[in-house]
Amino acid sequence: MITQKITPYLWVEKDAKAVADYYLSIFKDGKLKDFREFDSDESGNDAGIETAVIEIAGMEFSILAAGPLFKFNEAISFVINTKDQAETDYYWEAFTKNGGEEGSCGWCKDKYGLSWQVVPTEYFELIHSDDPAVREKAMKNTLKQKKLILSELK
């Protein structure tokens, strides 16, 4: 049953179930809603395809494992709004370990190459502050950081 108007579809090379399990290991409130395997006759793809639907953070994502034709790039990314530094640290570590990579200004990639920006919600208060000195310090220090560290932005 479709429960949301727009669903992000993530194309991966192989093993939709492993990809689903990876994201479900990070997002503890997530759940696997569906997993299907289609052989080459059913899919029209010589290797067959797999699909999975997961729900993480209250949002459905579909995963299509159908070969190496398309790769993730920074043109599509997701922002995680975290409640505090501890939650920021948790997601940053989860995405950058085991083949992920750090970027700058709170951006990182997970082991599948999907880009995420991990942002404490307090960050937006700083960069939208009525005080120009607060805004300037936050923005200037953002450009020096990989993972956003609130204590250094204040």
N, C-alpha and C. Protein backbone atom coordinates (compact mmCIF):
# COMPACT_ATOMS: atom_id res chain seq x y z
N MET A 1 0.84 -1.19 0.00
CA MET A 1 0.00 0.00 0.00
C MET A 1 0.88 1.25 0.00
N ILE A 2 0.61 2.17 -0.87
CA ILE A 2 1.37 3.41 -0.98
C ILE A 2 0.83 4.40 0.06
N THR A 3 1.75 4.95 0.87
CA THR A 3 1.31 5.81 1.96
C THR A 3 1.78 7.25 1.84
N GLN A 4 2.62 7.57 0.86
CA GLN A 4 3.06 8.96 0.71
C GLN A 4 3.04 9.33 -0.77
N LYS A 5 2.91 10.61 -1.04
CA LYS A 5 2.76 11.11 -2.41
C LYS A 5 4.03 10.93 -3.24
N ILE A 6 5.18 11.23 -2.65
CA ILE A 6 6.47 11.12 -3.36
C ILE A 6 7.37 10.19 -2.56
N THR A 7 7.97 9.22 -3.25
CA THR A 7 8.86 8.27 -2.60
C THR A 7 10.23 8.32 -3.28
N PRO A 8 11.29 8.63 -2.54
CA PRO A 8 12.63 8.56 -3.13
C PRO A 8 12.94 7.11 -3.53
N TYR A 9 13.52 6.94 -4.71
CA TYR A 9 13.89 5.63 -5.22
C TYR A 9 15.41 5.60 -5.34
N LEU A 10 16.06 4.71 -4.64
CA LEU A 10 17.50 4.61 -4.62
C LEU A 10 17.95 3.44 -5.50
N TRP A 11 18.66 3.73 -6.57
CA TRP A 11 19.16 2.69 -7.48
C TRP A 11 20.54 2.28 -6.98
N VAL A 12 20.71 1.01 -6.71
CA VAL A 12 22.00 0.46 -6.30
C VAL A 12 22.39 -0.67 -7.24
N GLU A 13 23.65 -1.04 -7.20
CA GLU A 13 24.13 -2.06 -8.13
C GLU A 13 23.58 -3.44 -7.83
N LYS A 14 23.60 -3.84 -6.54
CA LYS A 14 23.18 -5.19 -6.20
C LYS A 14 22.71 -5.26 -4.75
N ASP A 15 22.03 -6.35 -4.44
CA ASP A 15 21.66 -6.74 -3.09
C ASP A 15 20.82 -5.69 -2.36
N ALA A 16 19.61 -5.50 -2.84
CA ALA A 16 18.68 -4.54 -2.23
C ALA A 16 18.44 -4.85 -0.76
N LYS A 17 18.43 -6.12 -0.41
CA LYS A 17 18.18 -6.49 1.00
C LYS A 17 19.33 -6.03 1.89
N ALA A 18 20.56 -6.18 1.44
CA ALA A 18 21.72 -5.71 2.22
C ALA A 18 21.70 -4.20 2.38
N VAL A 19 21.32 -3.49 1.32
CA VAL A 19 21.22 -2.03 1.38
C VAL A 19 20.13 -1.64 2.38
N ALA A 20 18.99 -2.29 2.30
CA ALA A 20 17.89 -2.02 3.23
C ALA A 20 18.36 -2.29 4.67
N ASP A 21 19.01 -3.41 4.88
CA ASP A 21 19.49 -3.75 6.23
C ASP A 21 20.49 -2.71 6.74
N TYR A 22 21.34 -2.20 5.85
CA TYR A 22 22.32 -1.17 6.23
C TYR A 22 21.60 0.06 6.77
N TYR A 23 20.64 0.59 6.01
CA TYR A 23 19.94 1.80 6.47
C TYR A 23 19.09 1.52 7.71
N LEU A 24 18.52 0.34 7.81
CA LEU A 24 17.74 -0.01 9.00
C LEU A 24 18.63 -0.16 10.23
N SER A 25 19.90 -0.50 10.04
CA SER A 25 20.81 -0.58 11.18
C SER A 25 21.17 0.81 11.70
N ILE A 26 21.08 1.82 10.86
CA ILE A 26 21.40 3.20 11.26
C ILE A 26 20.17 3.88 11.85
N PHE A 27 19.05 3.75 11.17
CA PHE A 27 17.81 4.38 11.62
C PHE A 27 17.04 3.35 12.45
N LYS A 28 17.18 3.43 13.76
CA LYS A 28 16.66 2.41 14.67
C LYS A 28 15.13 2.30 14.65
N ASP A 29 14.44 3.36 14.24
CA ASP A 29 12.97 3.32 14.18
C ASP A 29 12.46 2.78 12.84
N GLY A 30 13.38 2.37 11.97
CA GLY A 30 13.00 1.95 10.63
C GLY A 30 12.45 0.54 10.57
N LYS A 31 11.85 0.25 9.42
CA LYS A 31 11.35 -1.11 9.21
C LYS A 31 11.36 -1.46 7.73
N LEU A 32 11.56 -2.73 7.47
CA LEU A 32 11.47 -3.26 6.11
C LEU A 32 10.00 -3.50 5.81
N LYS A 33 9.50 -2.85 4.76
CA LYS A 33 8.08 -2.99 4.42
C LYS A 33 7.85 -3.99 3.31
N ASP A 34 8.88 -4.21 2.46
CA ASP A 34 8.71 -5.14 1.35
C ASP A 34 10.08 -5.49 0.78
N PHE A 35 10.21 -6.71 0.30
CA PHE A 35 11.41 -7.14 -0.43
C PHE A 35 10.96 -8.13 -1.49
N ARG A 36 11.45 -7.94 -2.70
CA ARG A 36 11.09 -8.82 -3.82
C ARG A 36 12.31 -9.10 -4.68
N GLU A 37 12.34 -10.30 -5.24
CA GLU A 37 13.36 -10.69 -6.20
C GLU A 37 12.65 -11.07 -7.50
N PHE A 38 13.20 -10.58 -8.62
CA PHE A 38 12.64 -10.90 -9.93
C PHE A 38 13.76 -11.48 -10.79
N ASP A 39 13.55 -12.67 -11.34
CA ASP A 39 14.59 -13.28 -12.17
C ASP A 39 14.64 -12.56 -13.51
N SER A 40 15.56 -12.98 -14.35
CA SER A 40 15.79 -12.29 -15.63
C SER A 40 14.56 -12.34 -16.53
N ASP A 41 13.80 -13.43 -16.49
CA ASP A 41 12.58 -13.51 -17.31
C ASP A 41 11.54 -12.50 -16.85
N GLU A 42 11.38 -12.35 -15.55
CA GLU A 42 10.38 -11.43 -15.01
C GLU A 42 10.79 -9.97 -15.17
N SER A 43 12.09 -9.70 -15.06
CA SER A 43 12.55 -8.31 -15.02
C SER A 43 13.00 -7.76 -16.36
N GLY A 44 13.37 -8.64 -17.30
CA GLY A 44 13.93 -8.17 -18.56
C GLY A 44 15.39 -7.76 -18.42
N ASN A 45 15.96 -7.95 -17.26
CA ASN A 45 17.36 -7.64 -16.98
C ASN A 45 18.08 -8.98 -16.86
N ASP A 46 19.16 -9.17 -17.60
CA ASP A 46 19.86 -10.46 -17.62
C ASP A 46 20.19 -10.98 -16.23
N ALA A 47 20.54 -10.08 -15.32
CA ALA A 47 20.91 -10.50 -13.96
C ALA A 47 19.72 -10.56 -13.02
N GLY A 48 18.54 -10.15 -13.47
CA GLY A 48 17.40 -10.04 -12.57
C GLY A 48 17.50 -8.74 -11.78
N ILE A 49 16.50 -8.48 -10.99
CA ILE A 49 16.53 -7.29 -10.13
C ILE A 49 15.95 -7.65 -8.77
N GLU A 50 16.23 -6.80 -7.81
CA GLU A 50 15.64 -6.90 -6.47
C GLU A 50 15.10 -5.54 -6.11
N THR A 51 14.02 -5.55 -5.35
CA THR A 51 13.47 -4.29 -4.84
C THR A 51 13.21 -4.44 -3.35
N ALA A 52 13.30 -3.33 -2.65
CA ALA A 52 12.97 -3.29 -1.23
C ALA A 52 12.30 -1.95 -0.96
N VAL A 53 11.44 -1.94 0.01
CA VAL A 53 10.84 -0.71 0.51
C VAL A 53 11.11 -0.67 2.00
N ILE A 54 11.70 0.45 2.43
CA ILE A 54 11.97 0.65 3.85
C ILE A 54 11.29 1.92 4.31
N GLU A 55 11.03 1.98 5.58
CA GLU A 55 10.54 3.22 6.19
C GLU A 55 11.56 3.62 7.24
N ILE A 56 12.11 4.83 7.06
CA ILE A 56 13.05 5.38 8.03
C ILE A 56 12.63 6.81 8.34
N ALA A 57 12.68 7.15 9.62
CA ALA A 57 12.30 8.49 10.07
C ALA A 57 10.92 8.88 9.55
N GLY A 58 10.03 7.90 9.48
CA GLY A 58 8.66 8.16 9.05
C GLY A 58 8.48 8.33 7.56
N MET A 59 9.51 8.05 6.77
CA MET A 59 9.46 8.26 5.32
C MET A 59 9.83 6.98 4.59
N GLU A 60 9.07 6.66 3.55
CA GLU A 60 9.37 5.48 2.75
C GLU A 60 10.44 5.78 1.70
N PHE A 61 11.31 4.80 1.52
CA PHE A 61 12.31 4.81 0.47
C PHE A 61 12.21 3.49 -0.26
N SER A 62 12.26 3.52 -1.58
CA SER A 62 12.32 2.30 -2.37
C SER A 62 13.76 2.10 -2.83
N ILE A 63 14.17 0.86 -2.88
CA ILE A 63 15.52 0.52 -3.30
C ILE A 63 15.41 -0.43 -4.49
N LEU A 64 16.12 -0.12 -5.55
CA LEU A 64 16.14 -0.96 -6.75
C LEU A 64 17.57 -1.42 -6.98
N ALA A 65 17.81 -2.70 -6.92
CA ALA A 65 19.12 -3.27 -7.23
C ALA A 65 19.03 -3.84 -8.64
N ALA A 66 19.60 -3.10 -9.61
CA ALA A 66 19.44 -3.47 -11.01
C ALA A 66 20.71 -3.24 -11.82
N GLY A 67 21.86 -3.33 -11.17
CA GLY A 67 23.11 -3.23 -11.91
C GLY A 67 23.76 -1.87 -11.81
N PRO A 68 24.94 -1.74 -12.42
CA PRO A 68 25.80 -0.56 -12.25
C PRO A 68 25.51 0.61 -13.19
N LEU A 69 24.37 0.63 -13.83
CA LEU A 69 24.10 1.66 -14.82
C LEU A 69 24.13 3.08 -14.25
N PHE A 70 23.56 3.28 -13.04
CA PHE A 70 23.49 4.61 -12.44
C PHE A 70 24.21 4.62 -11.10
N LYS A 71 24.88 5.72 -10.79
CA LYS A 71 25.60 5.89 -9.54
C LYS A 71 25.09 7.14 -8.83
N PHE A 72 25.18 7.14 -7.51
CA PHE A 72 24.82 8.32 -6.73
C PHE A 72 25.82 9.43 -7.00
N ASN A 73 25.34 10.67 -6.94
CA ASN A 73 26.24 11.82 -6.92
C ASN A 73 25.60 12.90 -6.05
N GLU A 74 26.31 13.98 -5.84
CA GLU A 74 25.87 15.02 -4.91
C GLU A 74 24.64 15.80 -5.39
N ALA A 75 24.22 15.58 -6.62
CA ALA A 75 23.05 16.31 -7.12
C ALA A 75 21.79 15.95 -6.34
N ILE A 76 21.76 14.76 -5.76
CA ILE A 76 20.67 14.35 -4.89
C ILE A 76 21.28 13.95 -3.56
N SER A 77 20.75 14.52 -2.48
CA SER A 77 21.28 14.21 -1.15
C SER A 77 20.15 14.37 -0.14
N PHE A 78 20.43 13.95 1.08
CA PHE A 78 19.45 14.05 2.15
C PHE A 78 20.07 14.78 3.33
N VAL A 79 19.26 15.57 4.02
CA VAL A 79 19.68 16.27 5.22
C VAL A 79 19.01 15.60 6.41
N ILE A 80 19.80 15.32 7.44
CA ILE A 80 19.27 14.80 8.69
C ILE A 80 19.35 15.91 9.71
N ASN A 81 18.22 16.35 10.21
CA ASN A 81 18.16 17.38 11.25
C ASN A 81 18.23 16.68 12.61
N THR A 82 19.34 16.88 13.31
CA THR A 82 19.57 16.19 14.57
C THR A 82 19.23 17.10 15.75
N LYS A 83 18.90 16.48 16.88
CA LYS A 83 18.46 17.25 18.06
C LYS A 83 19.62 17.83 18.86
N ASP A 84 20.81 17.24 18.75
CA ASP A 84 21.95 17.71 19.55
C ASP A 84 23.25 17.15 18.98
N GLN A 85 24.35 17.48 19.64
CA GLN A 85 25.66 17.04 19.16
C GLN A 85 25.80 15.52 19.22
N ALA A 86 25.24 14.90 20.25
CA ALA A 86 25.35 13.45 20.37
C ALA A 86 24.68 12.75 19.19
N GLU A 87 23.51 13.21 18.78
CA GLU A 87 22.83 12.61 17.64
C GLU A 87 23.58 12.90 16.34
N THR A 88 24.13 14.10 16.24
CA THR A 88 24.97 14.44 15.09
C THR A 88 26.15 13.48 15.00
N ASP A 89 26.82 13.27 16.11
CA ASP A 89 27.97 12.36 16.16
C ASP A 89 27.56 10.94 15.75
N TYR A 90 26.40 10.49 16.24
CA TYR A 90 25.92 9.14 15.93
C TYR A 90 25.76 8.94 14.42
N TYR A 91 25.02 9.84 13.75
CA TYR A 91 24.79 9.67 12.31
C TYR A 91 26.07 9.86 11.52
N TRP A 92 26.89 10.82 11.91
CA TRP A 92 28.15 11.05 11.20
C TRP A 92 29.01 9.78 11.24
N GLU A 93 29.16 9.20 12.41
CA GLU A 93 29.95 7.98 12.56
C GLU A 93 29.34 6.83 11.75
N ALA A 94 28.02 6.69 11.83
CA ALA A 94 27.35 5.59 11.13
C ALA A 94 27.56 5.68 9.61
N PHE A 95 27.51 6.89 9.07
CA PHE A 95 27.65 7.03 7.62
C PHE A 95 29.10 6.98 7.15
N THR A 96 30.04 7.47 7.94
CA THR A 96 31.41 7.57 7.45
C THR A 96 32.26 6.33 7.71
N LYS A 97 31.79 5.42 8.56
CA LYS A 97 32.60 4.22 8.80
C LYS A 97 32.33 3.18 7.71
N ASN A 98 33.19 2.19 7.63
CA ASN A 98 33.04 1.06 6.71
C ASN A 98 32.87 1.47 5.25
N GLY A 99 33.69 2.42 4.80
CA GLY A 99 33.65 2.79 3.39
C GLY A 99 32.98 4.12 3.09
N GLY A 100 32.38 4.75 4.08
CA GLY A 100 31.83 6.09 3.87
C GLY A 100 32.97 7.10 3.85
N GLU A 101 32.64 8.35 3.59
CA GLU A 101 33.70 9.37 3.59
C GLU A 101 33.18 10.71 4.08
N GLU A 102 34.06 11.42 4.74
CA GLU A 102 33.74 12.75 5.24
C GLU A 102 33.84 13.77 4.12
N GLY A 103 32.95 14.74 4.16
CA GLY A 103 33.03 15.90 3.29
C GLY A 103 33.27 17.12 4.15
N SER A 104 32.81 18.26 3.71
CA SER A 104 32.96 19.48 4.51
C SER A 104 31.58 20.04 4.81
N CYS A 105 31.54 20.94 5.78
CA CYS A 105 30.32 21.68 6.14
C CYS A 105 29.16 20.75 6.53
N GLY A 106 29.49 19.64 7.18
CA GLY A 106 28.45 18.71 7.62
C GLY A 106 28.04 17.66 6.60
N TRP A 107 28.69 17.67 5.43
CA TRP A 107 28.35 16.69 4.38
C TRP A 107 29.22 15.46 4.50
N CYS A 108 28.64 14.31 4.22
CA CYS A 108 29.39 13.06 4.17
C CYS A 108 28.69 12.12 3.19
N LYS A 109 29.37 11.04 2.87
CA LYS A 109 28.78 10.00 2.02
C LYS A 109 28.78 8.69 2.78
N ASP A 110 27.74 7.90 2.58
CA ASP A 110 27.72 6.58 3.19
C ASP A 110 28.48 5.60 2.29
N LYS A 111 28.56 4.36 2.71
CA LYS A 111 29.37 3.38 1.97
C LYS A 111 28.84 3.07 0.58
N TYR A 112 27.60 3.47 0.29
CA TYR A 112 27.04 3.28 -1.06
C TYR A 112 27.23 4.52 -1.93
N GLY A 113 27.79 5.60 -1.35
CA GLY A 113 28.03 6.82 -2.10
C GLY A 113 26.90 7.83 -2.03
N LEU A 114 25.88 7.56 -1.22
CA LEU A 114 24.77 8.50 -1.06
C LEU A 114 25.19 9.63 -0.13
N SER A 115 24.93 10.87 -0.53
CA SER A 115 25.34 12.04 0.25
C SER A 115 24.30 12.43 1.29
N TRP A 116 24.81 12.75 2.48
CA TRP A 116 23.98 13.16 3.61
C TRP A 116 24.61 14.41 4.22
N GLN A 117 23.78 15.35 4.65
CA GLN A 117 24.27 16.44 5.49
C GLN A 117 23.65 16.23 6.86
N VAL A 118 24.50 16.14 7.86
CA VAL A 118 24.06 15.88 9.23
C VAL A 118 24.14 17.21 9.97
N VAL A 119 22.96 17.75 10.34
CA VAL A 119 22.89 19.12 10.84
C VAL A 119 22.10 19.20 12.15
N PRO A 120 22.74 19.66 13.23
CA PRO A 120 21.98 19.90 14.45
C PRO A 120 21.01 21.06 14.22
N THR A 121 19.79 20.91 14.67
CA THR A 121 18.78 21.95 14.41
C THR A 121 19.19 23.30 14.99
N GLU A 122 19.97 23.30 16.06
CA GLU A 122 20.44 24.56 16.64
C GLU A 122 21.31 25.35 15.66
N TYR A 123 21.91 24.65 14.72
CA TYR A 123 22.74 25.30 13.70
C TYR A 123 21.94 26.36 12.94
N PHE A 124 20.69 26.04 12.62
CA PHE A 124 19.87 26.98 11.87
C PHE A 124 19.55 28.23 12.68
N GLU A 125 19.43 28.08 14.00
CA GLU A 125 19.23 29.25 14.86
C GLU A 125 20.45 30.16 14.79
N LEU A 126 21.63 29.57 14.74
CA LEU A 126 22.86 30.36 14.68
C LEU A 126 22.99 31.10 13.35
N ILE A 127 22.78 30.40 12.23
CA ILE A 127 23.00 31.06 10.93
C ILE A 127 21.84 31.99 10.55
N HIS A 128 20.73 31.91 11.27
CA HIS A 128 19.61 32.82 11.03
C HIS A 128 19.42 33.81 12.19
N SER A 129 20.41 33.92 13.04
CA SER A 129 20.33 34.80 14.20
C SER A 129 20.13 36.25 13.77
N ASP A 130 19.46 37.01 14.62
CA ASP A 130 19.31 38.44 14.39
C ASP A 130 20.62 39.18 14.62
N ASP A 131 21.53 38.55 15.32
CA ASP A 131 22.83 39.14 15.63
C ASP A 131 23.82 38.81 14.51
N PRO A 132 24.28 39.81 13.76
CA PRO A 132 25.20 39.55 12.64
C PRO A 132 26.51 38.89 13.08
N ALA A 133 26.98 39.17 14.29
CA ALA A 133 28.22 38.57 14.77
C ALA A 133 28.04 37.06 14.98
N VAL A 134 26.88 36.65 15.47
CA VAL A 134 26.58 35.22 15.68
C VAL A 134 26.52 34.52 14.32
N ARG A 135 25.80 35.14 13.38
CA ARG A 135 25.69 34.56 12.02
C ARG A 135 27.06 34.41 11.38
N GLU A 136 27.86 35.46 11.46
CA GLU A 136 29.17 35.46 10.81
C GLU A 136 30.08 34.39 11.41
N LYS A 137 30.11 34.29 12.74
CA LYS A 137 30.96 33.28 13.38
C LYS A 137 30.52 31.88 13.00
N ALA A 138 29.22 31.64 13.01
CA ALA A 138 28.71 30.31 12.66
C ALA A 138 29.06 29.94 11.22
N MET A 139 28.84 30.85 10.29
CA MET A 139 29.14 30.56 8.88
C MET A 139 30.64 30.40 8.65
N LYS A 140 31.44 31.26 9.24
CA LYS A 140 32.89 31.20 9.07
C LYS A 140 33.43 29.86 9.60
N ASN A 141 32.96 29.45 10.75
CA ASN A 141 33.43 28.20 11.34
C ASN A 141 32.87 26.98 10.62
N THR A 142 31.68 27.08 10.05
CA THR A 142 31.11 25.99 9.27
C THR A 142 32.06 25.60 8.14
N LEU A 143 32.62 26.60 7.49
CA LEU A 143 33.50 26.36 6.34
C LEU A 143 34.80 25.67 6.74
N LYS A 144 35.15 25.68 8.02
CA LYS A 144 36.38 25.05 8.51
C LYS A 144 36.14 23.60 8.96
N GLN A 145 34.88 23.21 9.09
CA GLN A 145 34.57 21.92 9.68
C GLN A 145 34.22 20.86 8.65
N LYS A 146 34.39 19.63 9.05
CA LYS A 146 33.82 18.50 8.31
C LYS A 146 32.50 18.20 9.01
N LYS A 147 32.55 17.43 10.11
CA LYS A 147 31.35 17.23 10.93
C LYS A 147 31.06 18.55 11.64
N LEU A 148 29.79 18.96 11.69
CA LEU A 148 29.43 20.18 12.38
C LEU A 148 29.55 19.97 13.89
N ILE A 149 30.29 20.86 14.53
CA ILE A 149 30.48 20.80 15.98
C ILE A 149 29.94 22.10 16.57
N LEU A 150 28.80 21.98 17.22
CA LEU A 150 28.08 23.15 17.72
C LEU A 150 28.91 24.05 18.61
N SER A 151 29.67 23.46 19.51
CA SER A 151 30.44 24.29 20.46
C SER A 151 31.42 25.21 19.73
N GLU A 152 31.90 24.81 18.56
CA GLU A 152 32.81 25.65 17.79
C GLU A 152 32.09 26.65 16.91
N LEU A 153 30.80 26.46 16.71
CA LEU A 153 30.03 27.37 15.87
C LEU A 153 29.45 28.54 16.68
N LYS A 154 29.34 28.32 17.98
CA LYS A 154 28.72 29.34 18.85
C LYS A 154 29.70 30.45 19.18
